[in-house]
Amino acid sequence: MCTTIKKFKKALKLAGPHLKFRTKAGLQISLEKCHEDLDAYIQLTDDLLYEKILHPSSDHPDLLEAQKILIAIEKREIPKLIAEIESIGKNVK
């Protein structure tokens, strides 16, 4: 899997519990629970998620780490992949 995608997924996992979205009932739910509420789910756009992570409303360490990851991706500060080897489950002699 592409390094950038892995980093972006890590940023979402870190930030997810701290990103809140409003339901139709007025409740605040986290990113992980948005799939349970259509009104919260339709708020999930790439731009909104990106902005909420880049400009967090909290100084929680997970949000700050997620922010650092996105900034590094924007600046293309990602390690270069030289080779990727996948094991096929057989011993090679």
PDB file of N, CA and C in Angstrom:
ATOM      1  N   MET A   1       0.848  -1.178   0.000  1.00  0.00           N
ATOM      2  CA  MET A   1       0.000   0.000   0.000  1.00  0.00           C
ATOM      3  C   MET A   1       0.892   1.239   0.000  1.00  0.00           C
ATOM      4  N   CYS A   2       0.457   2.257  -0.667  1.00  0.00           N
ATOM      5  CA  CYS A   2       1.203   3.501  -0.792  1.00  0.00           C
ATOM      6  C   CYS A   2       1.460   4.125   0.582  1.00  0.00           C
ATOM      7  N   THR A   3       2.668   4.626   0.768  1.00  0.00           N
ATOM      8  CA  THR A   3       3.052   5.228   2.045  1.00  0.00           C
ATOM      9  C   THR A   3       2.151   6.400   2.407  1.00  0.00           C
ATOM     10  N   THR A   4       1.774   7.210   1.426  1.00  0.00           N
ATOM     11  CA  THR A   4       0.914   8.361   1.685  1.00  0.00           C
ATOM     12  C   THR A   4      -0.445   7.914   2.202  1.00  0.00           C
ATOM     13  N   ILE A   5      -0.984   6.871   1.619  1.00  0.00           N
ATOM     14  CA  ILE A   5      -2.282   6.361   2.062  1.00  0.00           C
ATOM     15  C   ILE A   5      -2.182   5.829   3.490  1.00  0.00           C
ATOM     16  N   LYS A   6      -1.104   5.122   3.783  1.00  0.00           N
ATOM     17  CA  LYS A   6      -0.898   4.605   5.143  1.00  0.00           C
ATOM     18  C   LYS A   6      -0.823   5.752   6.143  1.00  0.00           C
ATOM     19  N   LYS A   7      -0.105   6.798   5.782  1.00  0.00           N
ATOM     20  CA  LYS A   7       0.026   7.948   6.680  1.00  0.00           C
ATOM     21  C   LYS A   7      -1.324   8.644   6.876  1.00  0.00           C
ATOM     22  N   PHE A   8      -2.080   8.791   5.788  1.00  0.00           N
ATOM     23  CA  PHE A   8      -3.385   9.441   5.886  1.00  0.00           C
ATOM     24  C   PHE A   8      -4.326   8.615   6.762  1.00  0.00           C
ATOM     25  N   LYS A   9      -4.307   7.302   6.600  1.00  0.00           N
ATOM     26  CA  LYS A   9      -5.129   6.427   7.438  1.00  0.00           C
ATOM     27  C   LYS A   9      -4.734   6.555   8.903  1.00  0.00           C
ATOM     28  N   LYS A  10      -3.430   6.650   9.163  1.00  0.00           N
ATOM     29  CA  LYS A  10      -2.961   6.814  10.542  1.00  0.00           C
ATOM     30  C   LYS A  10      -3.480   8.128  11.122  1.00  0.00           C
ATOM     31  N   ALA A  11      -3.437   9.194  10.322  1.00  0.00           N
ATOM     32  CA  ALA A  11      -3.932  10.493  10.784  1.00  0.00           C
ATOM     33  C   ALA A  11      -5.419  10.414  11.119  1.00  0.00           C
ATOM     34  N   LEU A  12      -6.197   9.738  10.275  1.00  0.00           N
ATOM     35  CA  LEU A  12      -7.633   9.601  10.537  1.00  0.00           C
ATOM     36  C   LEU A  12      -7.896   8.773  11.792  1.00  0.00           C
ATOM     37  N   LYS A  13      -7.124   7.713  11.994  1.00  0.00           N
ATOM     38  CA  LYS A  13      -7.294   6.884  13.191  1.00  0.00           C
ATOM     39  C   LYS A  13      -6.957   7.671  14.455  1.00  0.00           C
ATOM     40  N   LEU A  14      -5.912   8.478  14.386  1.00  0.00           N
ATOM     41  CA  LEU A  14      -5.529   9.296  15.547  1.00  0.00           C
ATOM     42  C   LEU A  14      -6.586  10.357  15.846  1.00  0.00           C
ATOM     43  N   ALA A  15      -7.059  11.016  14.804  1.00  0.00           N
ATOM     44  CA  ALA A  15      -7.974  12.141  14.991  1.00  0.00           C
ATOM     45  C   ALA A  15      -9.419  11.700  15.200  1.00  0.00           C
ATOM     46  N   GLY A  16      -9.786  10.543  14.681  1.00  0.00           N
ATOM     47  CA  GLY A  16     -11.171  10.083  14.678  1.00  0.00           C
ATOM     48  C   GLY A  16     -11.950  10.242  15.965  1.00  0.00           C
ATOM     49  N   PRO A  17     -11.418   9.779  17.084  1.00  0.00           N
ATOM     50  CA  PRO A  17     -12.177   9.892  18.334  1.00  0.00           C
ATOM     51  C   PRO A  17     -12.403  11.340  18.785  1.00  0.00           C
ATOM     52  N   HIS A  18     -11.618  12.260  18.243  1.00  0.00           N
ATOM     53  CA  HIS A  18     -11.674  13.654  18.698  1.00  0.00           C
ATOM     54  C   HIS A  18     -12.426  14.566  17.732  1.00  0.00           C
ATOM     55  N   LEU A  19     -12.748  14.064  16.548  1.00  0.00           N
ATOM     56  CA  LEU A  19     -13.511  14.855  15.572  1.00  0.00           C
ATOM     57  C   LEU A  19     -14.991  14.619  15.827  1.00  0.00           C
ATOM     58  N   LYS A  20     -15.717  15.682  16.082  1.00  0.00           N
ATOM     59  CA  LYS A  20     -17.142  15.573  16.417  1.00  0.00           C
ATOM     60  C   LYS A  20     -18.017  16.122  15.301  1.00  0.00           C
ATOM     61  N   PHE A  21     -19.136  15.428  15.085  1.00  0.00           N
ATOM     62  CA  PHE A  21     -20.103  15.819  14.066  1.00  0.00           C
ATOM     63  C   PHE A  21     -21.493  15.809  14.687  1.00  0.00           C
ATOM     64  N   ARG A  22     -22.312  16.765  14.279  1.00  0.00           N
ATOM     65  CA  ARG A  22     -23.641  16.923  14.858  1.00  0.00           C
ATOM     66  C   ARG A  22     -24.668  16.059  14.118  1.00  0.00           C
ATOM     67  N   THR A  23     -25.476  15.350  14.897  1.00  0.00           N
ATOM     68  CA  THR A  23     -26.567  14.560  14.332  1.00  0.00           C
ATOM     69  C   THR A  23     -27.799  15.441  14.189  1.00  0.00           C
ATOM     70  N   LYS A  24     -28.827  14.917  13.527  1.00  0.00           N
ATOM     71  CA  LYS A  24     -30.070  15.670  13.366  1.00  0.00           C
ATOM     72  C   LYS A  24     -30.701  15.961  14.729  1.00  0.00           C
ATOM     73  N   ALA A  25     -30.482  15.062  15.690  1.00  0.00           N
ATOM     74  CA  ALA A  25     -31.020  15.237  17.037  1.00  0.00           C
ATOM     75  C   ALA A  25     -30.201  16.233  17.857  1.00  0.00           C
ATOM     76  N   GLY A  26     -29.118  16.731  17.273  1.00  0.00           N
ATOM     77  CA  GLY A  26     -28.292  17.710  17.975  1.00  0.00           C
ATOM     78  C   GLY A  26     -27.187  17.113  18.815  1.00  0.00           C
ATOM     79  N   LEU A  27     -27.026  15.807  18.769  1.00  0.00           N
ATOM     80  CA  LEU A  27     -25.964  15.144  19.524  1.00  0.00           C
ATOM     81  C   LEU A  27     -24.639  15.261  18.780  1.00  0.00           C
ATOM     82  N   GLN A  28     -23.556  15.202  19.531  1.00  0.00           N
ATOM     83  CA  GLN A  28     -22.226  15.205  18.942  1.00  0.00           C
ATOM     84  C   GLN A  28     -21.709  13.763  18.941  1.00  0.00           C
ATOM     85  N   ILE A  29     -21.297  13.280  17.769  1.00  0.00           N
ATOM     86  CA  ILE A  29     -20.729  11.944  17.704  1.00  0.00           C
ATOM     87  C   ILE A  29     -19.367  12.001  17.021  1.00  0.00           C
ATOM     88  N   SER A  30     -18.522  11.020  17.326  1.00  0.00           N
ATOM     89  CA  SER A  30     -17.172  10.997  16.776  1.00  0.00           C
ATOM     90  C   SER A  30     -17.172  10.445  15.356  1.00  0.00           C
ATOM     91  N   LEU A  31     -16.057  10.596  14.701  1.00  0.00           N
ATOM     92  CA  LEU A  31     -15.899  10.124  13.332  1.00  0.00           C
ATOM     93  C   LEU A  31     -16.234   8.640  13.207  1.00  0.00           C
ATOM     94  N   GLU A  32     -15.810   7.845  14.184  1.00  0.00           N
ATOM     95  CA  GLU A  32     -16.036   6.397  14.125  1.00  0.00           C
ATOM     96  C   GLU A  32     -17.515   6.023  14.142  1.00  0.00           C
ATOM     97  N   LYS A  33     -18.367   6.874  14.668  1.00  0.00           N
ATOM     98  CA  LYS A  33     -19.790   6.558  14.788  1.00  0.00           C
ATOM     99  C   LYS A  33     -20.649   7.203  13.700  1.00  0.00           C
ATOM    100  N   CYS A  34     -20.029   7.976  12.809  1.00  0.00           N
ATOM    101  CA  CYS A  34     -20.790   8.680  11.773  1.00  0.00           C
ATOM    102  C   CYS A  34     -21.538   7.741  10.839  1.00  0.00           C
ATOM    103  N   HIS A  35     -21.051   6.535  10.667  1.00  0.00           N
ATOM    104  CA  HIS A  35     -21.745   5.592   9.777  1.00  0.00           C
ATOM    105  C   HIS A  35     -23.102   5.169  10.346  1.00  0.00           C
ATOM    106  N   GLU A  36     -23.326   5.444  11.631  1.00  0.00           N
ATOM    107  CA  GLU A  36     -24.586   5.076  12.276  1.00  0.00           C
ATOM    108  C   GLU A  36     -25.660   6.157  12.135  1.00  0.00           C
ATOM    109  N   ASP A  37     -25.288   7.343  11.663  1.00  0.00           N
ATOM    110  CA  ASP A  37     -26.224   8.458  11.556  1.00  0.00           C
ATOM    111  C   ASP A  37     -26.057   9.133  10.201  1.00  0.00           C
ATOM    112  N   LEU A  38     -27.081   9.086   9.380  1.00  0.00           N
ATOM    113  CA  LEU A  38     -26.993   9.618   8.020  1.00  0.00           C
ATOM    114  C   LEU A  38     -26.659  11.102   7.996  1.00  0.00           C
ATOM    115  N   ASP A  39     -27.253  11.899   8.905  1.00  0.00           N
ATOM    116  CA  ASP A  39     -26.989  13.341   8.913  1.00  0.00           C
ATOM    117  C   ASP A  39     -25.523  13.645   9.229  1.00  0.00           C
ATOM    118  N   ALA A  40     -24.951  12.886  10.141  1.00  0.00           N
ATOM    119  CA  ALA A  40     -23.532  13.069  10.455  1.00  0.00           C
ATOM    120  C   ALA A  40     -22.673  12.561   9.302  1.00  0.00           C
ATOM    121  N   TYR A  41     -23.077  11.444   8.710  1.00  0.00           N
ATOM    122  CA  TYR A  41     -22.303  10.826   7.632  1.00  0.00           C
ATOM    123  C   TYR A  41     -22.183  11.738   6.416  1.00  0.00           C
ATOM    124  N   ILE A  42     -23.254  12.419   6.063  1.00  0.00           N
ATOM    125  CA  ILE A  42     -23.194  13.263   4.864  1.00  0.00           C
ATOM    126  C   ILE A  42     -22.337  14.512   5.066  1.00  0.00           C
ATOM    127  N   GLN A  43     -21.952  14.792   6.305  1.00  0.00           N
ATOM    128  CA  GLN A  43     -21.043  15.906   6.577  1.00  0.00           C
ATOM    129  C   GLN A  43     -19.593  15.541   6.243  1.00  0.00           C
ATOM    130  N   LEU A  44     -19.324  14.254   6.092  1.00  0.00           N
ATOM    131  CA  LEU A  44     -17.955  13.793   5.902  1.00  0.00           C
ATOM    132  C   LEU A  44     -17.473  14.012   4.476  1.00  0.00           C
ATOM    133  N   THR A  45     -16.813  15.120   4.291  1.00  0.00           N
ATOM    134  CA  THR A  45     -16.168  15.385   3.003  1.00  0.00           C
ATOM    135  C   THR A  45     -14.674  15.436   3.235  1.00  0.00           C
ATOM    136  N   ASP A  46     -13.910  15.201   2.200  1.00  0.00           N
ATOM    137  CA  ASP A  46     -12.458  15.256   2.329  1.00  0.00           C
ATOM    138  C   ASP A  46     -12.007  16.605   2.875  1.00  0.00           C
ATOM    139  N   ASP A  47     -12.591  17.677   2.316  1.00  0.00           N
ATOM    140  CA  ASP A  47     -12.197  19.021   2.731  1.00  0.00           C
ATOM    141  C   ASP A  47     -12.474  19.262   4.210  1.00  0.00           C
ATOM    142  N   LEU A  48     -13.653  18.852   4.664  1.00  0.00           N
ATOM    143  CA  LEU A  48     -14.014  19.077   6.062  1.00  0.00           C
ATOM    144  C   LEU A  48     -13.095  18.299   7.000  1.00  0.00           C
ATOM    145  N   LEU A  49     -12.860  17.029   6.696  1.00  0.00           N
ATOM    146  CA  LEU A  49     -11.973  16.227   7.541  1.00  0.00           C
ATOM    147  C   LEU A  49     -10.581  16.828   7.572  1.00  0.00           C
ATOM    148  N   TYR A  50     -10.089  17.210   6.405  1.00  0.00           N
ATOM    149  CA  TYR A  50      -8.757  17.787   6.300  1.00  0.00           C
ATOM    150  C   TYR A  50      -8.661  19.064   7.135  1.00  0.00           C
ATOM    151  N   GLU A  51      -9.660  19.933   7.021  1.00  0.00           N
ATOM    152  CA  GLU A  51      -9.662  21.188   7.777  1.00  0.00           C
ATOM    153  C   GLU A  51      -9.759  20.944   9.278  1.00  0.00           C
ATOM    154  N   LYS A  52     -10.594  20.005   9.679  1.00  0.00           N
ATOM    155  CA  LYS A  52     -10.744  19.723  11.110  1.00  0.00           C
ATOM    156  C   LYS A  52      -9.450  19.175  11.717  1.00  0.00           C
ATOM    157  N   ILE A  53      -8.670  18.471  10.902  1.00  0.00           N
ATOM    158  CA  ILE A  53      -7.400  17.942  11.405  1.00  0.00           C
ATOM    159  C   ILE A  53      -6.316  19.016  11.342  1.00  0.00           C
ATOM    160  N   LEU A  54      -6.275  19.780  10.263  1.00  0.00           N
ATOM    161  CA  LEU A  54      -5.246  20.818  10.145  1.00  0.00           C
ATOM    162  C   LEU A  54      -5.461  21.968  11.117  1.00  0.00           C
ATOM    163  N   HIS A  55      -6.710  22.231  11.477  1.00  0.00           N
ATOM    164  CA  HIS A  55      -7.033  23.312  12.405  1.00  0.00           C
ATOM    165  C   HIS A  55      -7.883  22.753  13.544  1.00  0.00           C
ATOM    166  N   PRO A  56      -7.268  21.936  14.386  1.00  0.00           N
ATOM    167  CA  PRO A  56      -8.048  21.271  15.437  1.00  0.00           C
ATOM    168  C   PRO A  56      -8.575  22.248  16.482  1.00  0.00           C
ATOM    169  N   SER A  57      -9.698  21.884  17.083  1.00  0.00           N
ATOM    170  CA  SER A  57     -10.293  22.726  18.128  1.00  0.00           C
ATOM    171  C   SER A  57      -9.783  22.331  19.508  1.00  0.00           C
ATOM    172  N   SER A  58      -8.848  21.415  19.546  1.00  0.00           N
ATOM    173  CA  SER A  58      -8.305  20.913  20.802  1.00  0.00           C
ATOM    174  C   SER A  58      -6.796  20.734  20.653  1.00  0.00           C
ATOM    175  N   ASP A  59      -6.104  20.740  21.779  1.00  0.00           N
ATOM    176  CA  ASP A  59      -4.660  20.506  21.781  1.00  0.00           C
ATOM    177  C   ASP A  59      -4.333  19.069  22.180  1.00  0.00           C
ATOM    178  N   HIS A  60      -5.266  18.170  21.940  1.00  0.00           N
ATOM    179  CA  HIS A  60      -5.032  16.768  22.296  1.00  0.00           C
ATOM    180  C   HIS A  60      -3.839  16.241  21.490  1.00  0.00           C
ATOM    181  N   PRO A  61      -2.942  15.483  22.136  1.00  0.00           N
ATOM    182  CA  PRO A  61      -1.751  14.976  21.442  1.00  0.00           C
ATOM    183  C   PRO A  61      -2.054  14.171  20.175  1.00  0.00           C
ATOM    184  N   ASP A  62      -3.152  13.422  20.157  1.00  0.00           N
ATOM    185  CA  ASP A  62      -3.498  12.655  18.955  1.00  0.00           C
ATOM    186  C   ASP A  62      -3.850  13.571  17.790  1.00  0.00           C
ATOM    187  N   LEU A  63      -4.570  14.650  18.079  1.00  0.00           N
ATOM    188  CA  LEU A  63      -4.915  15.611  17.025  1.00  0.00           C
ATOM    189  C   LEU A  63      -3.674  16.327  16.510  1.00  0.00           C
ATOM    190  N   LEU A  64      -2.777  16.665  17.413  1.00  0.00           N
ATOM    191  CA  LEU A  64      -1.552  17.342  16.996  1.00  0.00           C
ATOM    192  C   LEU A  64      -0.672  16.425  16.157  1.00  0.00           C
ATOM    193  N   GLU A  65      -0.625  15.136  16.514  1.00  0.00           N
ATOM    194  CA  GLU A  65       0.138  14.164  15.720  1.00  0.00           C
ATOM    195  C   GLU A  65      -0.494  13.989  14.341  1.00  0.00           C
ATOM    196  N   ALA A  66      -1.827  13.908  14.296  1.00  0.00           N
ATOM    197  CA  ALA A  66      -2.529  13.798  13.015  1.00  0.00           C
ATOM    198  C   ALA A  66      -2.256  15.034  12.152  1.00  0.00           C
ATOM    199  N   GLN A  67      -2.243  16.192  12.787  1.00  0.00           N
ATOM    200  CA  GLN A  67      -1.952  17.439  12.080  1.00  0.00           C
ATOM    201  C   GLN A  67      -0.542  17.397  11.479  1.00  0.00           C
ATOM    202  N   LYS A  68       0.429  16.936  12.253  1.00  0.00           N
ATOM    203  CA  LYS A  68       1.809  16.833  11.762  1.00  0.00           C
ATOM    204  C   LYS A  68       1.896  15.903  10.552  1.00  0.00           C
ATOM    205  N   ILE A  69       1.147  14.809  10.599  1.00  0.00           N
ATOM    206  CA  ILE A  69       1.158  13.858   9.487  1.00  0.00           C
ATOM    207  C   ILE A  69       0.617  14.513   8.225  1.00  0.00           C
ATOM    208  N   LEU A  70      -0.504  15.233   8.331  1.00  0.00           N
ATOM    209  CA  LEU A  70      -1.081  15.878   7.147  1.00  0.00           C
ATOM    210  C   LEU A  70      -0.174  16.971   6.598  1.00  0.00           C
ATOM    211  N   ILE A  71       0.457  17.705   7.479  1.00  0.00           N
ATOM    212  CA  ILE A  71       1.393  18.746   7.029  1.00  0.00           C
ATOM    213  C   ILE A  71       2.564  18.108   6.291  1.00  0.00           C
ATOM    214  N   ALA A  72       3.071  16.994   6.813  1.00  0.00           N
ATOM    215  CA  ALA A  72       4.168  16.295   6.145  1.00  0.00           C
ATOM    216  C   ALA A  72       3.737  15.792   4.764  1.00  0.00           C
ATOM    217  N   ILE A  73       2.508  15.302   4.670  1.00  0.00           N
ATOM    218  CA  ILE A  73       2.001  14.845   3.370  1.00  0.00           C
ATOM    219  C   ILE A  73       1.905  16.025   2.406  1.00  0.00           C
ATOM    220  N   GLU A  74       1.387  17.150   2.881  1.00  0.00           N
ATOM    221  CA  GLU A  74       1.280  18.337   2.028  1.00  0.00           C
ATOM    222  C   GLU A  74       2.634  18.789   1.511  1.00  0.00           C
ATOM    223  N   LYS A  75       3.638  18.719   2.384  1.00  0.00           N
ATOM    224  CA  LYS A  75       4.993  19.145   2.007  1.00  0.00           C
ATOM    225  C   LYS A  75       5.763  18.043   1.284  1.00  0.00           C
ATOM    226  N   ARG A  76       5.095  16.915   1.085  1.00  0.00           N
ATOM    227  CA  ARG A  76       5.695  15.746   0.432  1.00  0.00           C
ATOM    228  C   ARG A  76       6.922  15.247   1.182  1.00  0.00           C
ATOM    229  N   GLU A  77       6.872  15.359   2.497  1.00  0.00           N
ATOM    230  CA  GLU A  77       7.938  14.839   3.351  1.00  0.00           C
ATOM    231  C   GLU A  77       7.611  13.385   3.710  1.00  0.00           C
ATOM    232  N   ILE A  78       7.679  12.565   2.705  1.00  0.00           N
ATOM    233  CA  ILE A  78       7.367  11.158   2.911  1.00  0.00           C
ATOM    234  C   ILE A  78       8.566  10.325   2.499  1.00  0.00           C
ATOM    235  N   PRO A  79       8.785   9.224   3.198  1.00  0.00           N
ATOM    236  CA  PRO A  79       9.930   8.388   2.817  1.00  0.00           C
ATOM    237  C   PRO A  79       9.725   7.781   1.433  1.00  0.00           C
ATOM    238  N   LYS A  80      10.800   7.657   0.723  1.00  0.00           N
ATOM    239  CA  LYS A  80      10.745   7.050  -0.598  1.00  0.00           C
ATOM    240  C   LYS A  80      10.752   5.537  -0.424  1.00  0.00           C
ATOM    241  N   LEU A  81       9.897   4.869  -1.158  1.00  0.00           N
ATOM    242  CA  LEU A  81       9.818   3.422  -1.107  1.00  0.00           C
ATOM    243  C   LEU A  81      10.779   2.859  -2.144  1.00  0.00           C
ATOM    244  N   ILE A  82      11.752   2.102  -1.677  1.00  0.00           N
ATOM    245  CA  ILE A  82      12.729   1.523  -2.588  1.00  0.00           C
ATOM    246  C   ILE A  82      12.211   0.186  -3.116  1.00  0.00           C
ATOM    247  N   ALA A  83      11.700  -0.638  -2.203  1.00  0.00           N
ATOM    248  CA  ALA A  83      11.184  -1.941  -2.615  1.00  0.00           C
ATOM    249  C   ALA A  83      10.173  -2.424  -1.593  1.00  0.00           C
ATOM    250  N   GLU A  84       9.242  -3.199  -2.081  1.00  0.00           N
ATOM    251  CA  GLU A  84       8.261  -3.807  -1.193  1.00  0.00           C
ATOM    252  C   GLU A  84       8.212  -5.287  -1.540  1.00  0.00           C
ATOM    253  N   ILE A  85       8.429  -6.115  -0.529  1.00  0.00           N
ATOM    254  CA  ILE A  85       8.448  -7.548  -0.744  1.00  0.00           C
ATOM    255  C   ILE A  85       7.347  -8.163   0.084  1.00  0.00           C
ATOM    256  N   GLU A  86       6.525  -8.952  -0.566  1.00  0.00           N
ATOM    257  CA  GLU A  86       5.443  -9.626   0.143  1.00  0.00           C
ATOM    258  C   GLU A  86       5.739 -11.116   0.188  1.00  0.00           C
ATOM    259  N   SER A  87       5.575 -11.692   1.332  1.00  0.00           N
ATOM    260  CA  SER A  87       5.777 -13.121   1.486  1.00  0.00           C
ATOM    261  C   SER A  87       4.558 -13.859   0.952  1.00  0.00           C
ATOM    262  N   ILE A  88       4.788 -14.946   0.275  1.00  0.00           N
ATOM    263  CA  ILE A  88       3.679 -15.745  -0.223  1.00  0.00           C
ATOM    264  C   ILE A  88       3.431 -16.949   0.674  1.00  0.00           C
ATOM    265  N   GLY A  89       4.088 -16.963   1.802  1.00  0.00           N
ATOM    266  CA  GLY A  89       3.843 -18.009   2.795  1.00  0.00           C
ATOM    267  C   GLY A  89       4.631 -19.284   2.589  1.00  0.00           C
ATOM    268  N   LYS A  90       5.532 -19.326   1.643  1.00  0.00           N
ATOM    269  CA  LYS A  90       6.362 -20.517   1.415  1.00  0.00           C
ATOM    270  C   LYS A  90       7.785 -20.183   1.762  1.00  0.00           C
ATOM    271  N   ASN A  91       8.469 -21.139   2.309  1.00  0.00           N
ATOM    272  CA  ASN A  91       9.891 -20.954   2.606  1.00  0.00           C
ATOM    273  C   ASN A  91      10.700 -21.040   1.314  1.00  0.00           C
ATOM    274  N   VAL A  92      11.523 -20.075   1.111  1.00  0.00           N
ATOM    275  CA  VAL A  92      12.387 -20.045  -0.076  1.00  0.00           C
ATOM    276  C   VAL A  92      13.774 -20.459   0.354  1.00  0.00           C
ATOM    277  N   LYS A  93      14.356 -21.418  -0.371  1.00  0.00           N
ATOM    278  CA  LYS A  93      15.712 -21.910  -0.020  1.00  0.00           C
ATOM    279  C   LYS A  93      16.728 -21.367  -0.986  1.00  0.00           C
TER     280      LYS A  93
END
